[in-house]
């Protein structure tokens, strides 16, 4: 009987030890699990998301049903609100747009409370065209600079003018980029970050 009891106890200890080793453990000192970390990362990405043409928004102005609107960001990157008029949305985060609308409304409402809800987003793309090996759309999955976009487009053809690359931005803004200066070893500036809807033109 003693031998049988000892064997049973030993098996129980071994099973308990194995279960402790295979059960998921919290990460860090705050009890954060891998799932919690992934959720936090998604929340951070959402907070950093920059609006683009085609995105559908819900603008809520507290206690004002006439100013509260469901809108879609137009191809020119703007939305239109009563009293405020045209407001640039593309390229801004929802918080930046909220602050811009609230600032404009202060002329008409004392301490306006504005909420911007992103209802639906369009695929985030930039376009690379001209003297590159693989012209076409390039997906944005996080911050994307122009050097990365050019690399994803297969690099330059033999005829490309690398000193005068144009970036056409929503609203008609044109930017210039010099590739040779950007890759110079003495250059300390970070490459230009692209925004959804940008068109990179390599002549």
Protein backbone atom coordinates (compact mmCIF):
# COMPACT_ATOMS: atom_id res chain seq x y z
CA UNK A 1 0.00 0.00 0.00
CA UNK A 2 2.82 2.39 0.79
CA UNK A 3 4.47 1.77 -2.60
CA UNK A 4 1.17 2.38 -4.42
CA UNK A 5 0.54 5.60 -2.49
CA UNK A 6 4.05 6.87 -3.27
CA UNK A 7 3.62 6.14 -6.99
CA UNK A 8 0.31 7.99 -7.16
CA UNK A 9 1.76 11.03 -5.40
CA UNK A 10 4.78 11.04 -7.72
CA UNK A 11 2.52 10.96 -10.79
CA UNK A 12 0.46 13.87 -9.43
CA UNK A 13 3.60 15.96 -8.90
CA UNK A 14 4.88 15.20 -12.40
CA UNK A 15 1.52 16.07 -14.05
CA UNK A 16 1.28 19.33 -12.09
CA UNK A 17 4.82 20.30 -13.09
CA UNK A 18 4.13 19.63 -16.78
CA UNK A 19 0.92 21.69 -16.68
CA UNK A 20 2.76 24.62 -15.08
CA UNK A 21 5.40 24.54 -17.84
CA UNK A 22 2.86 24.45 -20.70
CA UNK A 23 0.38 27.03 -19.35
CA UNK A 24 0.78 30.58 -20.80
CA UNK A 25 2.73 32.99 -18.64
CA UNK A 26 2.20 36.75 -18.32
CA UNK A 27 4.71 38.98 -20.03
CA UNK A 28 6.33 41.69 -17.99
CA UNK A 29 5.48 42.73 -14.47
CA UNK A 30 2.00 44.07 -15.22
CA UNK A 31 0.52 40.71 -16.19
CA UNK A 32 0.34 41.60 -19.88
CA UNK A 33 -0.11 38.59 -22.15
CA UNK A 34 0.81 38.25 -25.82
CA UNK A 35 -2.84 38.88 -26.76
CA UNK A 36 -2.86 42.06 -24.66
CA UNK A 37 0.33 43.24 -26.39
CA UNK A 38 -1.18 42.61 -29.83
CA UNK A 39 -4.33 44.50 -28.87
CA UNK A 40 -2.27 47.43 -27.61
CA UNK A 41 -0.27 47.46 -30.86
CA UNK A 42 -3.47 47.57 -32.92
CA UNK A 43 -4.81 50.42 -30.77
CA UNK A 44 -1.57 52.37 -31.26
CA UNK A 45 -1.74 51.83 -35.03
CA UNK A 46 -5.36 52.99 -35.08
CA UNK A 47 -4.44 56.15 -33.17
CA UNK A 48 -1.68 56.90 -35.69
CA UNK A 49 -3.85 56.17 -38.74
CA UNK A 50 -3.89 59.05 -41.20
CA UNK A 51 -7.07 59.70 -43.12
CA UNK A 52 -7.21 59.33 -46.89
CA UNK A 53 -9.58 60.15 -49.72
CA UNK A 54 -12.59 57.83 -49.68
CA UNK A 55 -12.57 57.24 -45.92
CA UNK A 56 -16.02 57.43 -44.34
CA UNK A 57 -16.34 59.47 -41.15
CA UNK A 58 -18.89 60.31 -38.52
CA UNK A 59 -18.46 63.78 -37.04
CA UNK A 60 -20.32 64.27 -33.77
CA UNK A 61 -20.72 67.71 -32.23
CA UNK A 62 -22.07 67.39 -28.70
CA UNK A 63 -25.70 68.54 -28.36
CA UNK A 64 -25.89 69.74 -31.97
CA UNK A 65 -27.61 67.36 -34.36
CA UNK A 66 -27.40 69.79 -37.29
CA UNK A 67 -23.62 70.01 -37.13
CA UNK A 68 -23.19 66.26 -36.59
CA UNK A 69 -22.61 64.69 -40.01
CA UNK A 70 -21.75 61.43 -41.77
CA UNK A 71 -19.19 62.31 -44.44
CA UNK A 72 -16.75 60.83 -46.91
CA UNK A 73 -13.34 62.37 -47.54
CA UNK A 74 -13.45 63.78 -51.08
CA UNK A 75 -10.79 63.13 -53.76
CA UNK A 76 -9.30 66.53 -52.93
CA UNK A 77 -8.76 65.32 -49.36
CA UNK A 78 -11.34 67.62 -47.77
CA UNK A 79 -14.72 67.41 -46.04
CA UNK A 80 -17.36 70.12 -45.73
CA UNK A 81 -19.20 70.96 -42.51
CA UNK A 82 -21.90 73.56 -41.71
CA UNK A 83 -20.43 76.82 -40.36
CA UNK A 84 -16.88 75.49 -40.77
CA UNK A 85 -16.85 74.99 -44.54
CA UNK A 86 -14.06 72.98 -46.15
CA UNK A 87 -11.62 71.24 -43.82
CA UNK A 88 -8.60 69.22 -44.91
CA UNK A 89 -8.95 65.66 -43.60
CA UNK A 90 -6.52 63.60 -45.69
CA UNK A 91 -3.12 63.26 -44.07
CA UNK A 92 -4.46 64.00 -40.59
CA UNK A 93 -5.21 61.60 -37.75
CA UNK A 94 -8.76 61.56 -36.42
CA UNK A 95 -7.55 63.51 -33.35
CA UNK A 96 -5.90 66.16 -35.50
CA UNK A 97 -9.08 66.54 -37.54
CA UNK A 98 -11.15 66.72 -34.37
CA UNK A 99 -8.96 69.53 -33.02
CA UNK A 100 -9.11 71.44 -36.32
CA UNK A 101 -12.92 71.27 -36.41
CA UNK A 102 -13.22 72.26 -32.74
CA UNK A 103 -10.93 75.25 -33.28
CA UNK A 104 -13.02 76.44 -36.24
CA UNK A 105 -16.27 76.02 -34.29
CA UNK A 106 -15.09 78.15 -31.37
CA UNK A 107 -16.13 81.21 -33.37
CA UNK A 108 -19.74 80.01 -33.15
CA UNK A 109 -19.92 77.66 -30.12
CA UNK A 110 -18.44 78.07 -26.68
CA UNK A 111 -16.15 75.13 -25.89
CA UNK A 112 -17.37 72.76 -28.64
CA UNK A 113 -16.97 69.04 -27.97
CA UNK A 114 -16.19 67.22 -31.21
CA UNK A 115 -15.72 63.51 -31.87
CA UNK A 116 -14.38 62.07 -35.14
CA UNK A 117 -15.16 58.40 -35.75
CA UNK A 118 -13.56 56.54 -38.66
CA UNK A 119 -16.43 54.37 -39.92
CA UNK A 120 -14.73 52.82 -42.94
CA UNK A 121 -11.28 53.13 -44.45
CA UNK A 122 -10.10 52.80 -48.02
CA UNK A 123 -7.05 50.67 -48.88
CA UNK A 124 -3.94 52.73 -48.19
CA UNK A 125 -1.93 53.09 -51.39
CA UNK A 126 0.65 55.32 -53.00
CA UNK A 127 1.36 55.22 -56.72
CA UNK A 128 4.77 55.14 -58.38
CA UNK A 129 4.83 55.94 -62.08
CA UNK A 130 7.28 56.83 -64.82
CA UNK A 131 10.85 55.54 -65.16
CA UNK A 132 10.70 52.69 -62.64
CA UNK A 133 10.82 48.97 -63.36
CA UNK A 134 7.48 48.09 -61.79
CA UNK A 135 5.15 51.13 -61.89
CA UNK A 136 1.84 50.89 -60.09
CA UNK A 137 0.28 50.99 -56.64
CA UNK A 138 2.31 50.33 -53.49
CA UNK A 139 0.48 49.35 -50.31
CA UNK A 140 1.11 51.29 -47.11
CA UNK A 141 1.43 49.09 -44.03
CA UNK A 142 2.80 51.55 -41.52
CA UNK A 143 5.14 54.49 -42.19
CA UNK A 144 6.50 54.40 -45.76
CA UNK A 145 9.22 56.71 -47.03
CA UNK A 146 9.96 57.49 -50.65
CA UNK A 147 13.12 55.38 -50.76
CA UNK A 148 11.13 52.34 -49.66
CA UNK A 149 8.39 53.02 -52.22
CA UNK A 150 10.94 53.33 -55.03
CA UNK A 151 12.56 50.06 -53.97
CA UNK A 152 9.16 48.33 -53.94
CA UNK A 153 8.60 49.66 -57.47
CA UNK A 154 11.68 47.79 -58.65
CA UNK A 155 14.09 50.73 -58.71
CA UNK A 156 14.90 53.07 -61.58
CA UNK A 157 15.20 52.40 -65.30
CA UNK A 158 18.35 53.53 -67.10
CA UNK A 159 16.62 56.71 -68.25
CA UNK A 160 15.37 57.97 -64.88
CA UNK A 161 16.16 61.47 -63.69
CA UNK A 162 17.06 60.75 -60.08
CA UNK A 163 17.64 64.37 -59.13
CA UNK A 164 14.12 65.67 -59.75
CA UNK A 165 11.44 63.21 -58.62
CA UNK A 166 7.99 64.74 -58.14
CA UNK A 167 5.45 63.79 -55.48
CA UNK A 168 1.89 64.85 -56.23
CA UNK A 169 -0.17 65.08 -53.04
CA UNK A 170 -3.91 65.36 -52.44
CA UNK A 171 -5.09 68.91 -52.97
CA UNK A 172 -2.65 69.51 -55.83
CA UNK A 173 0.47 70.07 -53.72
CA UNK A 174 3.71 69.15 -55.54
CA UNK A 175 6.91 68.17 -53.75
CA UNK A 176 10.37 67.56 -55.18
CA UNK A 177 12.81 64.85 -54.12
CA UNK A 178 16.46 64.38 -55.03
CA UNK A 179 17.35 60.70 -54.78
CA UNK A 180 21.09 61.23 -55.17
CA UNK A 181 21.19 63.66 -52.26
CA UNK A 182 19.04 61.36 -50.11
CA UNK A 183 21.41 58.39 -50.46
CA UNK A 184 24.56 60.49 -49.98
CA UNK A 185 26.44 59.12 -46.98
CA UNK A 186 26.80 62.63 -45.54
CA UNK A 187 23.05 63.28 -45.66
CA UNK A 188 21.60 63.36 -42.14
CA UNK A 189 17.97 64.01 -43.01
CA UNK A 190 15.31 61.32 -42.83
CA UNK A 191 13.74 60.43 -46.21
CA UNK A 192 10.41 62.02 -47.08
CA UNK A 193 7.45 60.10 -45.63
CA UNK A 194 4.67 59.41 -48.10
CA UNK A 195 0.96 59.77 -47.44
CA UNK A 196 -1.90 57.64 -48.75
CA UNK A 197 -2.89 58.85 -52.21
CA UNK A 198 0.53 60.30 -53.07
CA UNK A 199 1.74 59.80 -56.64
CA UNK A 200 5.51 59.55 -57.11
CA UNK A 201 6.50 60.62 -60.63
CA UNK A 202 9.92 59.60 -61.96
CA UNK A 203 10.68 61.22 -65.31
